[in-house]
């Protein structure tokens, strides 16, 4: 049985949150990590694309560009209220 898109999105979010400020993750990095974790039979590249799209559309993660396109957590402005 294939892994649910929501479960993939949650795992990807955890990876991005853990590496925030230490390493920038590309979409391909997340895809490779999920396929390595669950195996190609349970998790396809298309499933990972949908999970990434879900993270971006929900606002949990954003694309940022620093010489390449990376997936990061949304940044808070310094003057933004808590």
N, C-alpha and C. Protein backbone atom coordinates (compact mmCIF):
# COMPACT_ATOMS: atom_id res chain seq x y z
N UNK A 1 0.84 -1.18 0.00
CA UNK A 1 0.00 0.00 0.00
C UNK A 1 0.89 1.25 0.00
N UNK A 2 0.55 2.19 -0.83
CA UNK A 2 1.34 3.41 -0.96
C UNK A 2 1.19 4.31 0.27
N UNK A 3 2.20 5.09 0.51
CA UNK A 3 2.20 6.03 1.63
C UNK A 3 1.28 7.20 1.28
N UNK A 4 0.48 7.65 2.24
CA UNK A 4 -0.45 8.76 2.01
C UNK A 4 0.33 10.05 1.75
N UNK A 5 -0.21 10.89 0.90
CA UNK A 5 0.42 12.17 0.56
C UNK A 5 0.60 13.02 1.82
N UNK A 6 -0.39 13.01 2.70
CA UNK A 6 -0.32 13.80 3.94
C UNK A 6 0.84 13.34 4.81
N UNK A 7 1.06 12.01 4.87
CA UNK A 7 2.16 11.47 5.66
C UNK A 7 3.51 11.89 5.07
N UNK A 8 3.61 11.87 3.75
CA UNK A 8 4.84 12.31 3.09
C UNK A 8 5.09 13.79 3.38
N UNK A 9 4.03 14.59 3.28
CA UNK A 9 4.15 16.02 3.54
C UNK A 9 4.62 16.28 4.97
N UNK A 10 4.09 15.54 5.92
CA UNK A 10 4.50 15.70 7.33
C UNK A 10 5.97 15.34 7.52
N UNK A 11 6.40 14.24 6.91
CA UNK A 11 7.80 13.83 7.01
C UNK A 11 8.72 14.86 6.37
N UNK A 12 8.32 15.39 5.23
CA UNK A 12 9.12 16.40 4.55
C UNK A 12 9.20 17.67 5.39
N UNK A 13 8.10 18.04 6.00
CA UNK A 13 8.09 19.23 6.85
C UNK A 13 9.07 19.06 8.03
N UNK A 14 9.06 17.86 8.62
CA UNK A 14 9.98 17.60 9.73
C UNK A 14 11.43 17.73 9.28
N UNK A 15 11.74 17.22 8.08
CA UNK A 15 13.10 17.33 7.57
C UNK A 15 13.51 18.78 7.37
N UNK A 16 12.61 19.57 6.78
CA UNK A 16 12.91 20.98 6.53
C UNK A 16 13.09 21.71 7.86
N UNK A 17 12.23 21.43 8.83
CA UNK A 17 12.32 22.09 10.14
C UNK A 17 13.62 21.72 10.86
N UNK A 18 14.04 20.46 10.76
CA UNK A 18 15.26 20.01 11.43
C UNK A 18 16.52 20.64 10.84
N UNK A 19 16.51 20.87 9.53
CA UNK A 19 17.71 21.39 8.87
C UNK A 19 17.67 22.90 8.67
N UNK A 20 16.62 23.54 9.12
CA UNK A 20 16.48 24.99 8.94
C UNK A 20 17.68 25.71 9.55
N UNK A 21 18.34 26.55 8.77
CA UNK A 21 19.49 27.30 9.24
C UNK A 21 20.81 26.54 9.14
N UNK A 22 20.75 25.23 8.94
CA UNK A 22 21.97 24.43 8.83
C UNK A 22 22.25 24.06 7.38
N UNK A 23 21.20 23.66 6.67
CA UNK A 23 21.35 23.21 5.30
C UNK A 23 20.07 23.55 4.54
N UNK A 24 20.24 23.99 3.31
CA UNK A 24 19.08 24.26 2.46
C UNK A 24 18.75 23.00 1.66
N UNK A 25 17.50 22.59 1.70
CA UNK A 25 17.07 21.39 1.00
C UNK A 25 16.36 21.75 -0.29
N UNK A 26 16.72 21.05 -1.34
CA UNK A 26 16.03 21.20 -2.62
C UNK A 26 14.89 20.18 -2.67
N UNK A 27 13.98 20.38 -3.61
CA UNK A 27 12.87 19.44 -3.77
C UNK A 27 13.39 18.03 -4.05
N UNK A 28 14.45 17.94 -4.84
CA UNK A 28 15.02 16.63 -5.17
C UNK A 28 15.61 15.95 -3.93
N UNK A 29 16.18 16.73 -3.02
CA UNK A 29 16.71 16.17 -1.77
C UNK A 29 15.59 15.52 -0.96
N UNK A 30 14.46 16.21 -0.87
CA UNK A 30 13.31 15.67 -0.13
C UNK A 30 12.76 14.42 -0.80
N UNK A 31 12.67 14.46 -2.13
CA UNK A 31 12.15 13.32 -2.88
C UNK A 31 13.04 12.10 -2.69
N UNK A 32 14.34 12.28 -2.81
CA UNK A 32 15.27 11.16 -2.64
C UNK A 32 15.19 10.59 -1.23
N UNK A 33 15.08 11.45 -0.23
CA UNK A 33 15.00 10.99 1.16
C UNK A 33 13.74 10.17 1.40
N UNK A 34 12.61 10.59 0.85
CA UNK A 34 11.36 9.86 1.05
C UNK A 34 11.39 8.51 0.32
N UNK A 35 11.96 8.48 -0.88
CA UNK A 35 12.06 7.21 -1.61
C UNK A 35 13.01 6.27 -0.88
N UNK A 36 14.09 6.80 -0.32
CA UNK A 36 15.02 5.96 0.44
C UNK A 36 14.36 5.42 1.70
N UNK A 37 13.52 6.23 2.33
CA UNK A 37 12.86 5.81 3.57
C UNK A 37 11.78 4.78 3.32
N UNK A 38 10.93 5.02 2.33
CA UNK A 38 9.76 4.15 2.11
C UNK A 38 9.95 3.14 0.98
N UNK A 39 10.92 3.35 0.10
CA UNK A 39 11.12 2.45 -1.03
C UNK A 39 10.32 2.90 -2.25
N UNK A 40 10.82 2.54 -3.42
CA UNK A 40 10.18 2.97 -4.67
C UNK A 40 8.80 2.37 -4.86
N UNK A 41 8.55 1.21 -4.27
CA UNK A 41 7.25 0.55 -4.42
C UNK A 41 6.16 1.30 -3.64
N UNK A 42 6.54 1.97 -2.56
CA UNK A 42 5.57 2.65 -1.69
C UNK A 42 5.47 4.14 -1.95
N UNK A 43 6.52 4.74 -2.52
CA UNK A 43 6.60 6.19 -2.66
C UNK A 43 7.19 6.54 -4.02
N UNK A 44 6.41 7.17 -4.88
CA UNK A 44 6.89 7.55 -6.20
C UNK A 44 7.30 9.02 -6.24
N UNK A 45 7.99 9.40 -7.30
CA UNK A 45 8.37 10.80 -7.48
C UNK A 45 7.13 11.67 -7.59
N UNK A 46 6.10 11.14 -8.23
CA UNK A 46 4.85 11.90 -8.39
C UNK A 46 4.18 12.13 -7.03
N UNK A 47 4.21 11.13 -6.17
CA UNK A 47 3.66 11.29 -4.81
C UNK A 47 4.41 12.40 -4.07
N UNK A 48 5.74 12.41 -4.22
CA UNK A 48 6.55 13.43 -3.56
C UNK A 48 6.24 14.82 -4.10
N UNK A 49 6.03 14.91 -5.41
CA UNK A 49 5.66 16.21 -6.02
C UNK A 49 4.37 16.72 -5.41
N UNK A 50 3.39 15.84 -5.27
CA UNK A 50 2.11 16.23 -4.69
C UNK A 50 2.27 16.66 -3.23
N UNK A 51 3.12 15.97 -2.49
CA UNK A 51 3.34 16.31 -1.09
C UNK A 51 4.01 17.68 -0.97
N UNK A 52 4.99 17.95 -1.83
CA UNK A 52 5.66 19.25 -1.82
C UNK A 52 4.67 20.34 -2.19
N UNK A 53 3.85 20.09 -3.19
CA UNK A 53 2.84 21.08 -3.60
C UNK A 53 1.89 21.37 -2.45
N UNK A 54 1.53 20.33 -1.69
CA UNK A 54 0.64 20.50 -0.55
C UNK A 54 1.30 21.38 0.52
N UNK A 55 2.60 21.17 0.77
CA UNK A 55 3.32 21.99 1.75
C UNK A 55 3.37 23.46 1.32
N UNK A 56 3.63 23.69 0.05
CA UNK A 56 3.74 25.06 -0.47
C UNK A 56 2.37 25.73 -0.47
N UNK A 57 1.36 25.04 -0.95
CA UNK A 57 0.00 25.62 -1.03
C UNK A 57 -0.57 25.93 0.35
N UNK A 58 -0.23 25.11 1.34
CA UNK A 58 -0.77 25.33 2.68
C UNK A 58 -0.02 26.43 3.43
N UNK A 59 1.16 26.81 2.92
CA UNK A 59 1.94 27.86 3.57
C UNK A 59 2.87 27.33 4.66
N UNK A 60 2.93 26.03 4.84
CA UNK A 60 3.84 25.46 5.84
C UNK A 60 5.29 25.61 5.42
N UNK A 61 5.54 25.59 4.12
CA UNK A 61 6.87 25.78 3.56
C UNK A 61 6.78 26.75 2.39
N UNK A 62 7.91 27.35 2.04
CA UNK A 62 7.97 28.27 0.91
C UNK A 62 9.22 27.96 0.09
N UNK A 63 9.18 28.37 -1.17
CA UNK A 63 10.37 28.29 -2.00
C UNK A 63 11.20 29.54 -1.75
N UNK A 64 12.50 29.39 -1.63
CA UNK A 64 13.38 30.54 -1.54
C UNK A 64 14.51 30.32 -2.54
N UNK A 65 15.11 31.39 -2.95
CA UNK A 65 16.13 31.32 -3.98
C UNK A 65 17.42 31.96 -3.49
N UNK A 66 18.47 31.17 -3.34
CA UNK A 66 19.81 31.64 -2.98
C UNK A 66 20.80 30.94 -3.90
N UNK A 67 20.81 31.34 -5.16
CA UNK A 67 21.68 30.67 -6.12
C UNK A 67 21.13 29.33 -6.57
N UNK A 68 19.97 28.99 -6.11
CA UNK A 68 19.26 27.77 -6.44
C UNK A 68 17.92 27.80 -5.72
N UNK A 69 17.01 26.98 -6.13
CA UNK A 69 15.68 26.98 -5.53
C UNK A 69 15.64 25.97 -4.37
N UNK A 70 15.30 26.47 -3.18
CA UNK A 70 15.26 25.63 -1.99
C UNK A 70 13.89 25.72 -1.33
N UNK A 71 13.57 24.69 -0.54
CA UNK A 71 12.33 24.68 0.22
C UNK A 71 12.70 24.98 1.67
N UNK A 72 12.09 26.03 2.22
CA UNK A 72 12.39 26.46 3.58
C UNK A 72 11.09 26.73 4.33
N UNK A 73 11.23 26.98 5.62
CA UNK A 73 10.08 27.42 6.41
C UNK A 73 9.87 28.91 6.14
N UNK A 74 8.65 29.41 6.25
CA UNK A 74 8.41 30.84 6.04
C UNK A 74 9.20 31.66 7.06
N UNK A 75 9.78 32.76 6.60
CA UNK A 75 10.55 33.64 7.48
C UNK A 75 9.62 34.65 8.13
N UNK A 76 9.91 34.99 9.39
CA UNK A 76 9.14 36.01 10.08
C UNK A 76 9.93 37.31 10.02
N UNK A 77 9.24 38.39 9.76
CA UNK A 77 9.88 39.70 9.75
C UNK A 77 10.23 40.10 11.18
N UNK A 78 11.25 40.90 11.33
CA UNK A 78 11.69 41.32 12.65
C UNK A 78 10.66 42.10 13.43
N UNK A 79 9.85 42.89 12.73
CA UNK A 79 8.86 43.72 13.40
C UNK A 79 7.48 43.06 13.47
N UNK A 80 7.37 41.86 12.97
CA UNK A 80 6.07 41.18 12.96
C UNK A 80 5.67 40.82 14.39
N UNK A 81 4.40 41.00 14.73
CA UNK A 81 3.94 40.61 16.07
C UNK A 81 3.93 39.09 16.22
N UNK A 82 4.12 38.64 17.42
CA UNK A 82 4.15 37.19 17.69
C UNK A 82 2.79 36.59 17.56
